[in-house]
Amino acid sequence: MSIDKKFPLEERYSLIDQLRRSSRSVPINIREGFAKKKYKQVFVRHLIDSLGSSEETRGWLSFACDFNYIDQCELMSIDEQYDQLNAMLYSLIENWE
């Protein structure tokens, strides 16, 4: 079950929309940057944008937890996955040649 199904209907066009847009932005920025990987600065900029979108998503999830739309256990589980993702993004940013 998608976590947004637990959110109240009044959050459909605000919090849920923000969560979807920021989370979808992560892989799209990576993909767009990879298409331009020949130009290191352009690729790295897209990776940094992905990192920003990842952190934005984490912020929205924390907000959802604060309002009890998701519980602390769910937040921690998802947050752990974003930690792993961010570590991979940092590694790519630092080591791309």
PDB file of N, CA and C in Angstrom:
ATOM      1  N   MET A   1       0.839  -1.181   0.000  1.00  0.00           N
ATOM      2  CA  MET A   1       0.000   0.000   0.000  1.00  0.00           C
ATOM      3  C   MET A   1       0.887   1.249   0.000  1.00  0.00           C
ATOM      4  N   SER A   2       0.533   2.188  -0.810  1.00  0.00           N
ATOM      5  CA  SER A   2       1.245   3.450  -0.888  1.00  0.00           C
ATOM      6  C   SER A   2       0.976   4.266   0.380  1.00  0.00           C
ATOM      7  N   ILE A   3       2.013   4.888   0.922  1.00  0.00           N
ATOM      8  CA  ILE A   3       1.813   5.605   2.182  1.00  0.00           C
ATOM      9  C   ILE A   3       0.847   6.770   2.048  1.00  0.00           C
ATOM     10  N   ASP A   4       0.748   7.341   0.853  1.00  0.00           N
ATOM     11  CA  ASP A   4      -0.142   8.494   0.702  1.00  0.00           C
ATOM     12  C   ASP A   4      -1.619   8.127   0.837  1.00  0.00           C
ATOM     13  N   LYS A   5      -1.939   6.857   0.760  1.00  0.00           N
ATOM     14  CA  LYS A   5      -3.331   6.418   0.936  1.00  0.00           C
ATOM     15  C   LYS A   5      -3.810   6.657   2.365  1.00  0.00           C
ATOM     16  N   LYS A   6      -2.879   6.805   3.296  1.00  0.00           N
ATOM     17  CA  LYS A   6      -3.222   7.050   4.696  1.00  0.00           C
ATOM     18  C   LYS A   6      -3.479   8.531   4.975  1.00  0.00           C
ATOM     19  N   PHE A   7      -3.095   9.394   4.050  1.00  0.00           N
ATOM     20  CA  PHE A   7      -3.208  10.825   4.284  1.00  0.00           C
ATOM     21  C   PHE A   7      -4.662  11.266   4.126  1.00  0.00           C
ATOM     22  N   PRO A   8      -5.054  12.322   4.824  1.00  0.00           N
ATOM     23  CA  PRO A   8      -6.418  12.833   4.660  1.00  0.00           C
ATOM     24  C   PRO A   8      -6.609  13.422   3.259  1.00  0.00           C
ATOM     25  N   LEU A   9      -7.841  13.409   2.793  1.00  0.00           N
ATOM     26  CA  LEU A   9      -8.135  13.901   1.445  1.00  0.00           C
ATOM     27  C   LEU A   9      -7.700  15.345   1.230  1.00  0.00           C
ATOM     28  N   GLU A  10      -7.786  16.160   2.281  1.00  0.00           N
ATOM     29  CA  GLU A  10      -7.426  17.571   2.102  1.00  0.00           C
ATOM     30  C   GLU A  10      -5.938  17.757   1.787  1.00  0.00           C
ATOM     31  N   GLU A  11      -5.136  16.715   1.984  1.00  0.00           N
ATOM     32  CA  GLU A  11      -3.709  16.791   1.654  1.00  0.00           C
ATOM     33  C   GLU A  11      -3.405  16.320   0.232  1.00  0.00           C
ATOM     34  N   ARG A  12      -4.422  15.867  -0.476  1.00  0.00           N
ATOM     35  CA  ARG A  12      -4.207  15.314  -1.819  1.00  0.00           C
ATOM     36  C   ARG A  12      -3.490  16.291  -2.748  1.00  0.00           C
ATOM     37  N   TYR A  13      -3.883  17.549  -2.741  1.00  0.00           N
ATOM     38  CA  TYR A  13      -3.310  18.502  -3.697  1.00  0.00           C
ATOM     39  C   TYR A  13      -2.235  19.389  -3.084  1.00  0.00           C
ATOM     40  N   SER A  14      -1.842  19.087  -1.875  1.00  0.00           N
ATOM     41  CA  SER A  14      -0.749  19.859  -1.287  1.00  0.00           C
ATOM     42  C   SER A  14       0.387  18.923  -0.885  1.00  0.00           C
ATOM     43  N   LEU A  15       0.296  18.309   0.258  1.00  0.00           N
ATOM     44  CA  LEU A  15       1.390  17.466   0.745  1.00  0.00           C
ATOM     45  C   LEU A  15       1.650  16.270  -0.170  1.00  0.00           C
ATOM     46  N   ILE A  16       0.610  15.572  -0.562  1.00  0.00           N
ATOM     47  CA  ILE A  16       0.797  14.392  -1.427  1.00  0.00           C
ATOM     48  C   ILE A  16       1.421  14.804  -2.752  1.00  0.00           C
ATOM     49  N   ASP A  17       0.923  15.900  -3.315  1.00  0.00           N
ATOM     50  CA  ASP A  17       1.462  16.379  -4.589  1.00  0.00           C
ATOM     51  C   ASP A  17       2.940  16.748  -4.444  1.00  0.00           C
ATOM     52  N   GLN A  18       3.290  17.436  -3.367  1.00  0.00           N
ATOM     53  CA  GLN A  18       4.683  17.810  -3.138  1.00  0.00           C
ATOM     54  C   GLN A  18       5.565  16.577  -2.968  1.00  0.00           C
ATOM     55  N   LEU A  19       5.075  15.609  -2.203  1.00  0.00           N
ATOM     56  CA  LEU A  19       5.825  14.363  -2.000  1.00  0.00           C
ATOM     57  C   LEU A  19       6.072  13.638  -3.319  1.00  0.00           C
ATOM     58  N   ARG A  20       5.038  13.543  -4.112  1.00  0.00           N
ATOM     59  CA  ARG A  20       5.183  12.847  -5.404  1.00  0.00           C
ATOM     60  C   ARG A  20       6.160  13.575  -6.311  1.00  0.00           C
ATOM     61  N   ARG A  21       6.030  14.896  -6.396  1.00  0.00           N
ATOM     62  CA  ARG A  21       6.908  15.644  -7.298  1.00  0.00           C
ATOM     63  C   ARG A  21       8.368  15.580  -6.854  1.00  0.00           C
ATOM     64  N   SER A  22       8.608  15.756  -5.565  1.00  0.00           N
ATOM     65  CA  SER A  22      10.004  15.742  -5.106  1.00  0.00           C
ATOM     66  C   SER A  22      10.617  14.346  -5.221  1.00  0.00           C
ATOM     67  N   SER A  23       9.847  13.314  -4.894  1.00  0.00           N
ATOM     68  CA  SER A  23      10.406  11.952  -4.969  1.00  0.00           C
ATOM     69  C   SER A  23      10.631  11.519  -6.416  1.00  0.00           C
ATOM     70  N   ARG A  24       9.756  11.920  -7.307  1.00  0.00           N
ATOM     71  CA  ARG A  24       9.930  11.567  -8.724  1.00  0.00           C
ATOM     72  C   ARG A  24      11.065  12.345  -9.369  1.00  0.00           C
ATOM     73  N   SER A  25      11.359  13.495  -8.827  1.00  0.00           N
ATOM     74  CA  SER A  25      12.426  14.329  -9.363  1.00  0.00           C
ATOM     75  C   SER A  25      13.803  13.689  -9.190  1.00  0.00           C
ATOM     76  N   VAL A  26      13.963  12.872  -8.156  1.00  0.00           N
ATOM     77  CA  VAL A  26      15.272  12.265  -7.879  1.00  0.00           C
ATOM     78  C   VAL A  26      15.760  11.429  -9.067  1.00  0.00           C
ATOM     79  N   PRO A  27      15.040  10.385  -9.484  1.00  0.00           N
ATOM     80  CA  PRO A  27      15.555   9.565 -10.591  1.00  0.00           C
ATOM     81  C   PRO A  27      15.541  10.295 -11.932  1.00  0.00           C
ATOM     82  N   ILE A  28      14.603  11.215 -12.105  1.00  0.00           N
ATOM     83  CA  ILE A  28      14.535  11.946 -13.376  1.00  0.00           C
ATOM     84  C   ILE A  28      15.768  12.831 -13.545  1.00  0.00           C
ATOM     85  N   ASN A  29      16.187  13.500 -12.481  1.00  0.00           N
ATOM     86  CA  ASN A  29      17.397  14.325 -12.562  1.00  0.00           C
ATOM     87  C   ASN A  29      18.636  13.482 -12.811  1.00  0.00           C
ATOM     88  N   ILE A  30      18.703  12.321 -12.181  1.00  0.00           N
ATOM     89  CA  ILE A  30      19.844  11.425 -12.424  1.00  0.00           C
ATOM     90  C   ILE A  30      19.865  11.011 -13.889  1.00  0.00           C
ATOM     91  N   ARG A  31      18.725  10.631 -14.389  1.00  0.00           N
ATOM     92  CA  ARG A  31      18.639  10.178 -15.783  1.00  0.00           C
ATOM     93  C   ARG A  31      18.987  11.302 -16.760  1.00  0.00           C
ATOM     94  N   GLU A  32      18.437  12.485 -16.511  1.00  0.00           N
ATOM     95  CA  GLU A  32      18.723  13.615 -17.389  1.00  0.00           C
ATOM     96  C   GLU A  32      20.212  13.960 -17.358  1.00  0.00           C
ATOM     97  N   GLY A  33      20.783  13.952 -16.163  1.00  0.00           N
ATOM     98  CA  GLY A  33      22.212  14.233 -16.044  1.00  0.00           C
ATOM     99  C   GLY A  33      23.063  13.182 -16.722  1.00  0.00           C
ATOM    100  N   PHE A  34      22.675  11.917 -16.574  1.00  0.00           N
ATOM    101  CA  PHE A  34      23.443  10.832 -17.182  1.00  0.00           C
ATOM    102  C   PHE A  34      23.462  10.958 -18.702  1.00  0.00           C
ATOM    103  N   ALA A  35      22.383  11.460 -19.263  1.00  0.00           N
ATOM    104  CA  ALA A  35      22.339  11.660 -20.714  1.00  0.00           C
ATOM    105  C   ALA A  35      23.371  12.698 -21.155  1.00  0.00           C
ATOM    106  N   LYS A  36      23.797  13.540 -20.218  1.00  0.00           N
ATOM    107  CA  LYS A  36      24.771  14.597 -20.512  1.00  0.00           C
ATOM    108  C   LYS A  36      26.102  14.343 -19.800  1.00  0.00           C
ATOM    109  N   LYS A  37      26.373  13.084 -19.484  1.00  0.00           N
ATOM    110  CA  LYS A  37      27.540  12.726 -18.670  1.00  0.00           C
ATOM    111  C   LYS A  37      28.870  13.121 -19.292  1.00  0.00           C
ATOM    112  N   LYS A  38      28.860  13.364 -20.582  1.00  0.00           N
ATOM    113  CA  LYS A  38      30.071  13.809 -21.272  1.00  0.00           C
ATOM    114  C   LYS A  38      30.574  15.127 -20.673  1.00  0.00           C
ATOM    115  N   TYR A  39      29.638  15.910 -20.150  1.00  0.00           N
ATOM    116  CA  TYR A  39      29.964  17.206 -19.559  1.00  0.00           C
ATOM    117  C   TYR A  39      29.856  17.082 -18.038  1.00  0.00           C
ATOM    118  N   LYS A  40      30.995  16.876 -17.403  1.00  0.00           N
ATOM    119  CA  LYS A  40      31.036  16.563 -15.969  1.00  0.00           C
ATOM    120  C   LYS A  40      30.231  17.548 -15.125  1.00  0.00           C
ATOM    121  N   GLN A  41      30.419  18.842 -15.341  1.00  0.00           N
ATOM    122  CA  GLN A  41      29.729  19.839 -14.521  1.00  0.00           C
ATOM    123  C   GLN A  41      28.215  19.739 -14.657  1.00  0.00           C
ATOM    124  N   VAL A  42      27.747  19.443 -15.846  1.00  0.00           N
ATOM    125  CA  VAL A  42      26.302  19.324 -16.073  1.00  0.00           C
ATOM    126  C   VAL A  42      25.765  18.096 -15.351  1.00  0.00           C
ATOM    127  N   PHE A  43      26.474  16.985 -15.473  1.00  0.00           N
ATOM    128  CA  PHE A  43      26.039  15.757 -14.800  1.00  0.00           C
ATOM    129  C   PHE A  43      26.030  15.945 -13.283  1.00  0.00           C
ATOM    130  N   VAL A  44      27.104  16.510 -12.754  1.00  0.00           N
ATOM    131  CA  VAL A  44      27.200  16.719 -11.306  1.00  0.00           C
ATOM    132  C   VAL A  44      26.098  17.665 -10.829  1.00  0.00           C
ATOM    133  N   ARG A  45      25.801  18.693 -11.602  1.00  0.00           N
ATOM    134  CA  ARG A  45      24.717  19.609 -11.225  1.00  0.00           C
ATOM    135  C   ARG A  45      23.392  18.862 -11.096  1.00  0.00           C
ATOM    136  N   HIS A  46      23.131  17.938 -12.012  1.00  0.00           N
ATOM    137  CA  HIS A  46      21.901  17.146 -11.940  1.00  0.00           C
ATOM    138  C   HIS A  46      21.913  16.203 -10.734  1.00  0.00           C
ATOM    139  N   LEU A  47      23.071  15.668 -10.402  1.00  0.00           N
ATOM    140  CA  LEU A  47      23.173  14.832  -9.201  1.00  0.00           C
ATOM    141  C   LEU A  47      22.900  15.658  -7.946  1.00  0.00           C
ATOM    142  N   ILE A  48      23.410  16.872  -7.921  1.00  0.00           N
ATOM    143  CA  ILE A  48      23.161  17.760  -6.782  1.00  0.00           C
ATOM    144  C   ILE A  48      21.674  18.104  -6.700  1.00  0.00           C
ATOM    145  N   ASP A  49      21.049  18.335  -7.850  1.00  0.00           N
ATOM    146  CA  ASP A  49      19.600  18.576  -7.864  1.00  0.00           C
ATOM    147  C   ASP A  49      18.846  17.366  -7.330  1.00  0.00           C
ATOM    148  N   SER A  50      19.294  16.170  -7.691  1.00  0.00           N
ATOM    149  CA  SER A  50      18.676  14.940  -7.180  1.00  0.00           C
ATOM    150  C   SER A  50      18.811  14.856  -5.669  1.00  0.00           C
ATOM    151  N   LEU A  51      19.973  15.206  -5.178  1.00  0.00           N
ATOM    152  CA  LEU A  51      20.205  15.211  -3.737  1.00  0.00           C
ATOM    153  C   LEU A  51      19.264  16.200  -3.046  1.00  0.00           C
ATOM    154  N   GLY A  52      19.094  17.362  -3.646  1.00  0.00           N
ATOM    155  CA  GLY A  52      18.167  18.355  -3.097  1.00  0.00           C
ATOM    156  C   GLY A  52      16.741  17.844  -3.073  1.00  0.00           C
ATOM    157  N   SER A  53      16.326  17.180  -4.139  1.00  0.00           N
ATOM    158  CA  SER A  53      14.974  16.615  -4.190  1.00  0.00           C
ATOM    159  C   SER A  53      14.798  15.502  -3.171  1.00  0.00           C
ATOM    160  N   SER A  54      15.841  14.731  -2.967  1.00  0.00           N
ATOM    161  CA  SER A  54      15.807  13.677  -1.962  1.00  0.00           C
ATOM    162  C   SER A  54      15.592  14.274  -0.570  1.00  0.00           C
ATOM    163  N   GLU A  55      16.338  15.322  -0.269  1.00  0.00           N
ATOM    164  CA  GLU A  55      16.199  15.974   1.036  1.00  0.00           C
ATOM    165  C   GLU A  55      14.838  16.648   1.175  1.00  0.00           C
ATOM    166  N   GLU A  56      14.334  17.205   0.090  1.00  0.00           N
ATOM    167  CA  GLU A  56      12.988  17.791   0.128  1.00  0.00           C
ATOM    168  C   GLU A  56      11.956  16.718   0.466  1.00  0.00           C
ATOM    169  N   THR A  57      12.083  15.563  -0.163  1.00  0.00           N
ATOM    170  CA  THR A  57      11.167  14.454   0.108  1.00  0.00           C
ATOM    171  C   THR A  57      11.236  14.052   1.573  1.00  0.00           C
ATOM    172  N   ARG A  58      12.433  13.960   2.093  1.00  0.00           N
ATOM    173  CA  ARG A  58      12.600  13.616   3.517  1.00  0.00           C
ATOM    174  C   ARG A  58      11.924  14.656   4.412  1.00  0.00           C
ATOM    175  N   GLY A  59      12.018  15.896   4.024  1.00  0.00           N
ATOM    176  CA  GLY A  59      11.362  16.956   4.790  1.00  0.00           C
ATOM    177  C   GLY A  59       9.852  16.809   4.794  1.00  0.00           C
ATOM    178  N   TRP A  60       9.277  16.510   3.625  1.00  0.00           N
ATOM    179  CA  TRP A  60       7.822  16.313   3.536  1.00  0.00           C
ATOM    180  C   TRP A  60       7.391  15.086   4.330  1.00  0.00           C
ATOM    181  N   LEU A  61       8.201  14.044   4.306  1.00  0.00           N
ATOM    182  CA  LEU A  61       7.871  12.840   5.081  1.00  0.00           C
ATOM    183  C   LEU A  61       7.921  13.123   6.582  1.00  0.00           C
ATOM    184  N   SER A  62       8.882  13.907   6.989  1.00  0.00           N
ATOM    185  CA  SER A  62       8.970  14.291   8.398  1.00  0.00           C
ATOM    186  C   SER A  62       7.743  15.104   8.808  1.00  0.00           C
ATOM    187  N   PHE A  63       7.339  15.999   7.932  1.00  0.00           N
ATOM    188  CA  PHE A  63       6.125  16.788   8.155  1.00  0.00           C
ATOM    189  C   PHE A  63       4.914  15.869   8.295  1.00  0.00           C
ATOM    190  N   ALA A  64       4.818  14.871   7.416  1.00  0.00           N
ATOM    191  CA  ALA A  64       3.706  13.910   7.467  1.00  0.00           C
ATOM    192  C   ALA A  64       3.705  13.148   8.788  1.00  0.00           C
ATOM    193  N   CYS A  65       4.869  12.825   9.273  1.00  0.00           N
ATOM    194  CA  CYS A  65       4.975  12.130  10.563  1.00  0.00           C
ATOM    195  C   CYS A  65       4.549  13.055  11.704  1.00  0.00           C
ATOM    196  N   ASP A  66       4.960  14.316  11.628  1.00  0.00           N
ATOM    197  CA  ASP A  66       4.581  15.288  12.660  1.00  0.00           C
ATOM    198  C   ASP A  66       3.064  15.406  12.800  1.00  0.00           C
ATOM    199  N   PHE A  67       2.360  15.226  11.681  1.00  0.00           N
ATOM    200  CA  PHE A  67       0.901  15.326  11.693  1.00  0.00           C
ATOM    201  C   PHE A  67       0.222  13.959  11.787  1.00  0.00           C
ATOM    202  N   ASN A  68       1.032  12.942  12.099  1.00  0.00           N
ATOM    203  CA  ASN A  68       0.532  11.574  12.304  1.00  0.00           C
ATOM    204  C   ASN A  68      -0.130  10.953  11.068  1.00  0.00           C
ATOM    205  N   TYR A  69       0.312  11.374   9.876  1.00  0.00           N
ATOM    206  CA  TYR A  69      -0.166  10.729   8.650  1.00  0.00           C
ATOM    207  C   TYR A  69       0.599   9.428   8.419  1.00  0.00           C
ATOM    208  N   ILE A  70       1.835   9.388   8.899  1.00  0.00           N
ATOM    209  CA  ILE A  70       2.625   8.156   8.928  1.00  0.00           C
ATOM    210  C   ILE A  70       3.216   8.046  10.331  1.00  0.00           C
ATOM    211  N   ASP A  71       3.547   6.838  10.738  1.00  0.00           N
ATOM    212  CA  ASP A  71       4.103   6.698  12.086  1.00  0.00           C
ATOM    213  C   ASP A  71       5.635   6.760  12.050  1.00  0.00           C
ATOM    214  N   GLN A  72       6.206   6.882  13.209  1.00  0.00           N
ATOM    215  CA  GLN A  72       7.656   7.030  13.350  1.00  0.00           C
ATOM    216  C   GLN A  72       8.414   5.851  12.741  1.00  0.00           C
ATOM    217  N   CYS A  73       7.867   4.655  12.887  1.00  0.00           N
ATOM    218  CA  CYS A  73       8.509   3.453  12.345  1.00  0.00           C
ATOM    219  C   CYS A  73       8.578   3.517  10.816  1.00  0.00           C
ATOM    220  N   GLU A  74       7.480   3.947  10.185  1.00  0.00           N
ATOM    221  CA  GLU A  74       7.476   4.096   8.723  1.00  0.00           C
ATOM    222  C   GLU A  74       8.485   5.153   8.294  1.00  0.00           C
ATOM    223  N   LEU A  75       8.487   6.268   9.009  1.00  0.00           N
ATOM    224  CA  LEU A  75       9.422   7.343   8.675  1.00  0.00           C
ATOM    225  C   LEU A  75      10.864   6.855   8.764  1.00  0.00           C
ATOM    226  N   MET A  76      11.187   6.151   9.822  1.00  0.00           N
ATOM    227  CA  MET A  76      12.555   5.659   9.998  1.00  0.00           C
ATOM    228  C   MET A  76      12.948   4.686   8.894  1.00  0.00           C
ATOM    229  N   SER A  77      12.030   3.830   8.490  1.00  0.00           N
ATOM    230  CA  SER A  77      12.306   2.864   7.432  1.00  0.00           C
ATOM    231  C   SER A  77      12.580   3.567   6.100  1.00  0.00           C
ATOM    232  N   ILE A  78      11.731   4.522   5.770  1.00  0.00           N
ATOM    233  CA  ILE A  78      11.901   5.262   4.517  1.00  0.00           C
ATOM    234  C   ILE A  78      13.149   6.131   4.590  1.00  0.00           C
ATOM    235  N   ASP A  79      13.357   6.773   5.732  1.00  0.00           N
ATOM    236  CA  ASP A  79      14.502   7.652   5.914  1.00  0.00           C
ATOM    237  C   ASP A  79      15.818   6.890   5.750  1.00  0.00           C
ATOM    238  N   GLU A  80      15.845   5.660   6.220  1.00  0.00           N
ATOM    239  CA  GLU A  80      17.028   4.814   6.071  1.00  0.00           C
ATOM    240  C   GLU A  80      17.343   4.578   4.594  1.00  0.00           C
ATOM    241  N   GLN A  81      16.307   4.371   3.803  1.00  0.00           N
ATOM    242  CA  GLN A  81      16.508   4.166   2.368  1.00  0.00           C
ATOM    243  C   GLN A  81      17.027   5.440   1.705  1.00  0.00           C
ATOM    244  N   TYR A  82      16.510   6.590   2.139  1.00  0.00           N
ATOM    245  CA  TYR A  82      17.005   7.852   1.597  1.00  0.00           C
ATOM    246  C   TYR A  82      18.444   8.114   2.040  1.00  0.00           C
ATOM    247  N   ASP A  83      18.821   7.677   3.240  1.00  0.00           N
ATOM    248  CA  ASP A  83      20.225   7.771   3.666  1.00  0.00           C
ATOM    249  C   ASP A  83      21.129   7.012   2.698  1.00  0.00           C
ATOM    250  N   GLN A  84      20.721   5.809   2.332  1.00  0.00           N
ATOM    251  CA  GLN A  84      21.506   4.992   1.402  1.00  0.00           C
ATOM    252  C   GLN A  84      21.577   5.655   0.031  1.00  0.00           C
ATOM    253  N   LEU A  85      20.449   6.160  -0.437  1.00  0.00           N
ATOM    254  CA  LEU A  85      20.409   6.850  -1.724  1.00  0.00           C
ATOM    255  C   LEU A  85      21.341   8.057  -1.707  1.00  0.00           C
ATOM    256  N   ASN A  86      21.245   8.860  -0.654  1.00  0.00           N
ATOM    257  CA  ASN A  86      22.082  10.058  -0.574  1.00  0.00           C
ATOM    258  C   ASN A  86      23.562   9.716  -0.510  1.00  0.00           C
ATOM    259  N   ALA A  87      23.905   8.638   0.173  1.00  0.00           N
ATOM    260  CA  ALA A  87      25.305   8.206   0.217  1.00  0.00           C
ATOM    261  C   ALA A  87      25.801   7.862  -1.188  1.00  0.00           C
ATOM    262  N   MET A  88      24.964   7.194  -1.968  1.00  0.00           N
ATOM    263  CA  MET A  88      25.349   6.862  -3.349  1.00  0.00           C
ATOM    264  C   MET A  88      25.489   8.125  -4.188  1.00  0.00           C
ATOM    265  N   LEU A  89      24.572   9.074  -4.010  1.00  0.00           N
ATOM    266  CA  LEU A  89      24.651  10.324  -4.761  1.00  0.00           C
ATOM    267  C   LEU A  89      25.916  11.101  -4.387  1.00  0.00           C
ATOM    268  N   TYR A  90      26.209  11.212  -3.088  1.00  0.00           N
ATOM    269  CA  TYR A  90      27.436  11.892  -2.655  1.00  0.00           C
ATOM    270  C   TYR A  90      28.663  11.233  -3.271  1.00  0.00           C
ATOM    271  N   SER A  91      28.681   9.911  -3.284  1.00  0.00           N
ATOM    272  CA  SER A  91      29.815   9.187  -3.847  1.00  0.00           C
ATOM    273  C   SER A  91      29.971   9.490  -5.338  1.00  0.00           C
ATOM    274  N   LEU A  92      28.867   9.485  -6.054  1.00  0.00           N
ATOM    275  CA  LEU A  92      28.921   9.817  -7.485  1.00  0.00           C
ATOM    276  C   LEU A  92      29.404  11.246  -7.699  1.00  0.00           C
ATOM    277  N   ILE A  93      28.887  12.166  -6.905  1.00  0.00           N
ATOM    278  CA  ILE A  93      29.274  13.574  -7.040  1.00  0.00           C
ATOM    279  C   ILE A  93      30.775  13.739  -6.803  1.00  0.00           C
ATOM    280  N   GLU A  94      31.284  13.104  -5.773  1.00  0.00           N
ATOM    281  CA  GLU A  94      32.696  13.245  -5.408  1.00  0.00           C
ATOM    282  C   GLU A  94      33.641  12.506  -6.352  1.00  0.00           C
ATOM    283  N   ASN A  95      33.183  11.426  -6.957  1.00  0.00           N
ATOM    284  CA  ASN A  95      34.095  10.558  -7.709  1.00  0.00           C
ATOM    285  C   ASN A  95      33.880  10.529  -9.215  1.00  0.00           C
ATOM    286  N   TRP A  96      32.923  11.276  -9.731  1.00  0.00           N
ATOM    287  CA  TRP A  96      32.672  11.236 -11.170  1.00  0.00           C
ATOM    288  C   TRP A  96      33.826  11.883 -11.915  1.00  0.00           C
ATOM    289  N   GLU A  97      34.277  11.205 -12.963  1.00  0.00           N
ATOM    290  CA  GLU A  97      35.375  11.747 -13.777  1.00  0.00           C
ATOM    291  C   GLU A  97      34.992  11.837 -15.216  1.00  0.00           C
TER     292      GLU A  97
END
